[in-house]
Amino acid sequence: MGIFEKLAIGVFVFAIVSKLIRFLFREKLIKMTPSNQVQHSVILSSNISLEDMEDVFALENSLDRILKTEGLGECDGNEVGLEGSDLSIFLYGPDAAKLFAAIAPHLQRSPIMSEGIAKLRFGDVMDKTAHEKIIEIAKWKPKNVH
C-alpha cells in the first residue's frame, strides 16, 4: 500500500471519527448555543489534493482562532471527498456577513481557498426561507455582503 492510499484511509477514518464525535455530543453542543440565537453559516468550498490535508487543518485552526478571538463564531470541521478533490469547511455564528468579512482576507491569501467559493446563509439551517449568497473568494472586496 502506497503513501497516498494510507493518507486517503487516514483522512477517511478521521472524517468518520469526527462525525461520530459530533453525533455523540450534539445535544451538549446544542445546549451551548442560546435557544434565541439563530446560527448563520458560511460554507467554504474548494478543490484540493490529498497532499493539501495538512494545509486544510492549519487553515481550520487559523479560522477558528480568528472567529473565537473576535467573538463571531466557530469553525465546525470539514468534509473531504474520498479522492481528496472536494473540500468543504463549515463555519457558524450569529452573523454570516461579519463572520465572512473577518476571514475573507485570510482565505484570499490561502493557496487552498483563494480560488474557492463561500456560501453565506443568513438564517438557521432549518429555515427554508433564509437568504443565501455565493461569493467567489478571489473576487471579494470589503463591503456589505447582505
C-alpha atoms as a PDB file:
ATOM      1  CA  MET A   1       0.000   0.000   0.000  1.00  0.00           C
ATOM      2  CA  GLY A   2       1.449   3.327  -1.100  1.00  0.00           C
ATOM      3  CA  ILE A   3       1.649   6.580   0.826  1.00  0.00           C
ATOM      4  CA  PHE A   4      -1.376   8.081  -0.958  1.00  0.00           C
ATOM      5  CA  GLU A   5      -3.570   5.100  -0.153  1.00  0.00           C
ATOM      6  CA  LYS A   6      -2.505   5.261   3.505  1.00  0.00           C
ATOM      7  CA  LEU A   7      -3.168   9.003   3.563  1.00  0.00           C
ATOM      8  CA  ALA A   8      -6.594   8.506   1.961  1.00  0.00           C
ATOM      9  CA  ILE A   9      -7.505   5.870   4.550  1.00  0.00           C
ATOM     10  CA  GLY A  10      -6.295   8.155   7.349  1.00  0.00           C
ATOM     11  CA  VAL A  11      -8.392  11.072   6.054  1.00  0.00           C
ATOM     12  CA  PHE A  12     -11.429   8.790   5.709  1.00  0.00           C
ATOM     13  CA  VAL A  13     -11.029   7.434   9.258  1.00  0.00           C
ATOM     14  CA  PHE A  14     -10.551  10.967  10.620  1.00  0.00           C
ATOM     15  CA  ALA A  15     -13.750  12.140   8.880  1.00  0.00           C
ATOM     16  CA  ILE A  16     -15.755   9.200  10.276  1.00  0.00           C
ATOM     17  CA  VAL A  17     -14.426   9.684  13.822  1.00  0.00           C
ATOM     18  CA  SER A  18     -15.075  13.434  13.612  1.00  0.00           C
ATOM     19  CA  LYS A  19     -18.687  12.869  12.533  1.00  0.00           C
ATOM     20  CA  LEU A  20     -19.168  10.250  15.256  1.00  0.00           C
ATOM     21  CA  ILE A  21     -17.913  12.643  17.935  1.00  0.00           C
ATOM     22  CA  ARG A  22     -20.212  15.421  16.657  1.00  0.00           C
ATOM     23  CA  PHE A  23     -23.149  12.977  16.655  1.00  0.00           C
ATOM     24  CA  LEU A  24     -22.447  11.745  20.189  1.00  0.00           C
ATOM     25  CA  PHE A  25     -22.046  15.240  21.648  1.00  0.00           C
ATOM     26  CA  ARG A  26     -24.603  17.138  19.537  1.00  0.00           C
ATOM     27  CA  GLU A  27     -27.029  17.652  22.427  1.00  0.00           C
ATOM     28  CA  LYS A  28     -24.276  19.177  24.542  1.00  0.00           C
ATOM     29  CA  LEU A  29     -23.236  21.421  21.623  1.00  0.00           C
ATOM     30  CA  ILE A  30     -26.839  22.493  21.009  1.00  0.00           C
ATOM     31  CA  LYS A  31     -27.257  23.413  24.696  1.00  0.00           C
ATOM     32  CA  MET A  32     -24.167  25.637  24.474  1.00  0.00           C
ATOM     33  CA  THR A  33     -25.928  27.866  21.915  1.00  0.00           C
ATOM     34  CA  PRO A  34     -28.646  30.114  23.367  1.00  0.00           C
ATOM     35  CA  SER A  35     -32.019  28.974  22.003  1.00  0.00           C
ATOM     36  CA  ASN A  36     -32.943  32.501  20.910  1.00  0.00           C
ATOM     37  CA  GLN A  37     -29.750  32.938  18.891  1.00  0.00           C
ATOM     38  CA  VAL A  38     -30.078  31.983  15.218  1.00  0.00           C
ATOM     39  CA  GLN A  39     -26.943  30.393  13.815  1.00  0.00           C
ATOM     40  CA  HIS A  40     -25.980  31.650  10.372  1.00  0.00           C
ATOM     41  CA  SER A  41     -23.471  29.646   8.376  1.00  0.00           C
ATOM     42  CA  VAL A  42     -20.634  30.082   5.933  1.00  0.00           C
ATOM     43  CA  ILE A  43     -19.657  27.012   3.942  1.00  0.00           C
ATOM     44  CA  LEU A  44     -16.327  27.260   2.157  1.00  0.00           C
ATOM     45  CA  SER A  45     -15.756  25.028  -0.874  1.00  0.00           C
ATOM     46  CA  SER A  46     -12.630  24.375  -2.903  1.00  0.00           C
ATOM     47  CA  ASN A  47     -10.766  21.703  -4.828  1.00  0.00           C
ATOM     48  CA  ILE A  48      -7.683  20.208  -3.209  1.00  0.00           C
ATOM     49  CA  SER A  49      -5.425  17.185  -3.409  1.00  0.00           C
ATOM     50  CA  LEU A  50      -4.698  14.767  -0.575  1.00  0.00           C
ATOM     51  CA  GLU A  51      -1.269  16.371  -0.182  1.00  0.00           C
ATOM     52  CA  ASP A  52      -3.083  19.545   0.965  1.00  0.00           C
ATOM     53  CA  MET A  53      -4.620  18.000   4.111  1.00  0.00           C
ATOM     54  CA  GLU A  54      -2.001  19.463   6.447  1.00  0.00           C
ATOM     55  CA  ASP A  55      -2.802  22.902   4.989  1.00  0.00           C
ATOM     56  CA  VAL A  56      -6.529  22.227   5.466  1.00  0.00           C
ATOM     57  CA  PHE A  57      -6.079  21.529   9.188  1.00  0.00           C
ATOM     58  CA  ALA A  58      -3.824  24.581   9.591  1.00  0.00           C
ATOM     59  CA  LEU A  59      -6.410  26.761   7.821  1.00  0.00           C
ATOM     60  CA  GLU A  60      -9.228  25.430  10.000  1.00  0.00           C
ATOM     61  CA  ASN A  61      -7.246  26.202  13.152  1.00  0.00           C
ATOM     62  CA  SER A  62      -6.479  29.723  11.922  1.00  0.00           C
ATOM     63  CA  LEU A  63     -10.107  30.417  11.006  1.00  0.00           C
ATOM     64  CA  ASP A  64     -11.362  29.071  14.327  1.00  0.00           C
ATOM     65  CA  ARG A  65      -8.857  31.215  16.217  1.00  0.00           C
ATOM     66  CA  ILE A  66      -9.887  34.362  14.275  1.00  0.00           C
ATOM     67  CA  LEU A  67     -13.599  33.755  14.819  1.00  0.00           C
ATOM     68  CA  LYS A  68     -13.299  32.935  18.506  1.00  0.00           C
ATOM     69  CA  THR A  69     -10.949  35.866  19.185  1.00  0.00           C
ATOM     70  CA  GLU A  70     -13.422  38.237  17.518  1.00  0.00           C
ATOM     71  CA  GLY A  71     -16.402  36.532  19.203  1.00  0.00           C
ATOM     72  CA  LEU A  72     -18.012  35.912  15.799  1.00  0.00           C
ATOM     73  CA  GLY A  73     -18.461  32.145  15.737  1.00  0.00           C
ATOM     74  CA  GLU A  74     -16.563  28.927  15.223  1.00  0.00           C
ATOM     75  CA  CYS A  75     -15.186  26.513  12.673  1.00  0.00           C
ATOM     76  CA  ASP A  76     -17.079  23.223  12.866  1.00  0.00           C
ATOM     77  CA  GLY A  77     -14.827  20.990  10.790  1.00  0.00           C
ATOM     78  CA  ASN A  78     -14.565  19.869   7.208  1.00  0.00           C
ATOM     79  CA  GLU A  79     -15.600  17.248   4.715  1.00  0.00           C
ATOM     80  CA  VAL A  80     -13.271  15.935   2.037  1.00  0.00           C
ATOM     81  CA  GLY A  81     -14.212  13.739  -0.899  1.00  0.00           C
ATOM     82  CA  LEU A  82     -12.714  10.261  -0.900  1.00  0.00           C
ATOM     83  CA  GLU A  83     -10.380  11.194  -3.730  1.00  0.00           C
ATOM     84  CA  GLY A  84      -9.454  14.329  -1.827  1.00  0.00           C
ATOM     85  CA  SER A  85     -10.678  16.658  -4.561  1.00  0.00           C
ATOM     86  CA  ASP A  86     -13.702  18.332  -2.946  1.00  0.00           C
ATOM     87  CA  LEU A  87     -13.253  20.268   0.294  1.00  0.00           C
ATOM     88  CA  SER A  88     -15.960  21.904   2.410  1.00  0.00           C
ATOM     89  CA  ILE A  89     -15.254  23.801   5.640  1.00  0.00           C
ATOM     90  CA  PHE A  90     -18.197  24.668   7.903  1.00  0.00           C
ATOM     91  CA  LEU A  91     -18.366  27.902   9.921  1.00  0.00           C
ATOM     92  CA  TYR A  92     -21.200  29.027  12.189  1.00  0.00           C
ATOM     93  CA  GLY A  93     -22.051  32.224  14.047  1.00  0.00           C
ATOM     94  CA  PRO A  94     -24.829  34.756  14.666  1.00  0.00           C
ATOM     95  CA  ASP A  95     -23.986  36.901  11.583  1.00  0.00           C
ATOM     96  CA  ALA A  96     -22.764  35.314   8.341  1.00  0.00           C
ATOM     97  CA  ALA A  97     -21.665  38.656   6.852  1.00  0.00           C
ATOM     98  CA  LYS A  98     -19.451  39.562   9.817  1.00  0.00           C
ATOM     99  CA  LEU A  99     -18.143  36.015  10.027  1.00  0.00           C
ATOM    100  CA  PHE A 100     -17.084  36.011   6.368  1.00  0.00           C
ATOM    101  CA  ALA A 101     -15.688  39.558   6.440  1.00  0.00           C
ATOM    102  CA  ALA A 102     -13.395  38.592   9.332  1.00  0.00           C
ATOM    103  CA  ILE A 103     -11.867  35.629   7.498  1.00  0.00           C
ATOM    104  CA  ALA A 104     -12.032  36.667   3.816  1.00  0.00           C
ATOM    105  CA  PRO A 105      -8.581  38.328   3.652  1.00  0.00           C
ATOM    106  CA  HIS A 106      -7.073  35.191   5.211  1.00  0.00           C
ATOM    107  CA  LEU A 107      -8.884  32.994   2.670  1.00  0.00           C
ATOM    108  CA  GLN A 108      -7.651  35.102  -0.242  1.00  0.00           C
ATOM    109  CA  ARG A 109      -4.052  34.520   0.895  1.00  0.00           C
ATOM    110  CA  SER A 110      -4.604  30.771   1.319  1.00  0.00           C
ATOM    111  CA  PRO A 111      -3.364  28.617  -1.556  1.00  0.00           C
ATOM    112  CA  ILE A 112      -6.118  26.057  -0.909  1.00  0.00           C
ATOM    113  CA  MET A 113      -9.044  28.521  -0.687  1.00  0.00           C
ATOM    114  CA  SER A 114      -8.092  31.528  -2.817  1.00  0.00           C
ATOM    115  CA  GLU A 115      -9.940  30.099  -5.840  1.00  0.00           C
ATOM    116  CA  GLY A 116     -12.808  28.652  -3.808  1.00  0.00           C
ATOM    117  CA  ILE A 117     -16.309  29.870  -3.064  1.00  0.00           C
ATOM    118  CA  ALA A 118     -18.183  30.782   0.089  1.00  0.00           C
ATOM    119  CA  LYS A 119     -21.892  30.185   0.597  1.00  0.00           C
ATOM    120  CA  LEU A 120     -23.278  32.570   3.207  1.00  0.00           C
ATOM    121  CA  ARG A 121     -26.591  31.569   4.754  1.00  0.00           C
ATOM    122  CA  PHE A 122     -28.423  34.312   6.660  1.00  0.00           C
ATOM    123  CA  GLY A 123     -30.618  32.161   8.847  1.00  0.00           C
ATOM    124  CA  ASP A 124     -30.910  28.848  10.585  1.00  0.00           C
ATOM    125  CA  VAL A 125     -30.196  25.714   8.582  1.00  0.00           C
ATOM    126  CA  MET A 126     -33.820  24.616   9.101  1.00  0.00           C
ATOM    127  CA  ASP A 127     -35.234  27.928   7.781  1.00  0.00           C
ATOM    128  CA  LYS A 128     -36.266  27.231   4.170  1.00  0.00           C
ATOM    129  CA  THR A 129     -36.730  30.980   3.539  1.00  0.00           C
ATOM    130  CA  ALA A 130     -33.257  32.032   4.702  1.00  0.00           C
ATOM    131  CA  HIS A 131     -31.361  34.221   2.224  1.00  0.00           C
ATOM    132  CA  GLU A 132     -28.168  32.733   0.746  1.00  0.00           C
ATOM    133  CA  LYS A 133     -25.339  34.410  -1.124  1.00  0.00           C
ATOM    134  CA  ILE A 134     -22.489  32.790  -3.091  1.00  0.00           C
ATOM    135  CA  ILE A 135     -19.174  34.668  -3.144  1.00  0.00           C
ATOM    136  CA  GLU A 136     -16.094  33.895  -5.206  1.00  0.00           C
ATOM    137  CA  ILE A 137     -13.332  34.303  -2.639  1.00  0.00           C
ATOM    138  CA  ALA A 138     -10.772  35.688  -5.105  1.00  0.00           C
ATOM    139  CA  LYS A 139     -13.191  38.455  -6.200  1.00  0.00           C
ATOM    140  CA  TRP A 140     -14.372  39.519  -2.737  1.00  0.00           C
ATOM    141  CA  LYS A 141     -13.862  43.151  -1.749  1.00  0.00           C
ATOM    142  CA  PRO A 142     -14.609  44.586   1.717  1.00  0.00           C
ATOM    143  CA  LYS A 143     -18.214  45.805   1.532  1.00  0.00           C
ATOM    144  CA  ASN A 144     -21.664  44.818   2.672  1.00  0.00           C
ATOM    145  CA  VAL A 145     -22.335  41.173   1.688  1.00  0.00           C
ATOM    146  CA  HIS A 146     -26.057  41.037   2.628  1.00  0.00           C
END
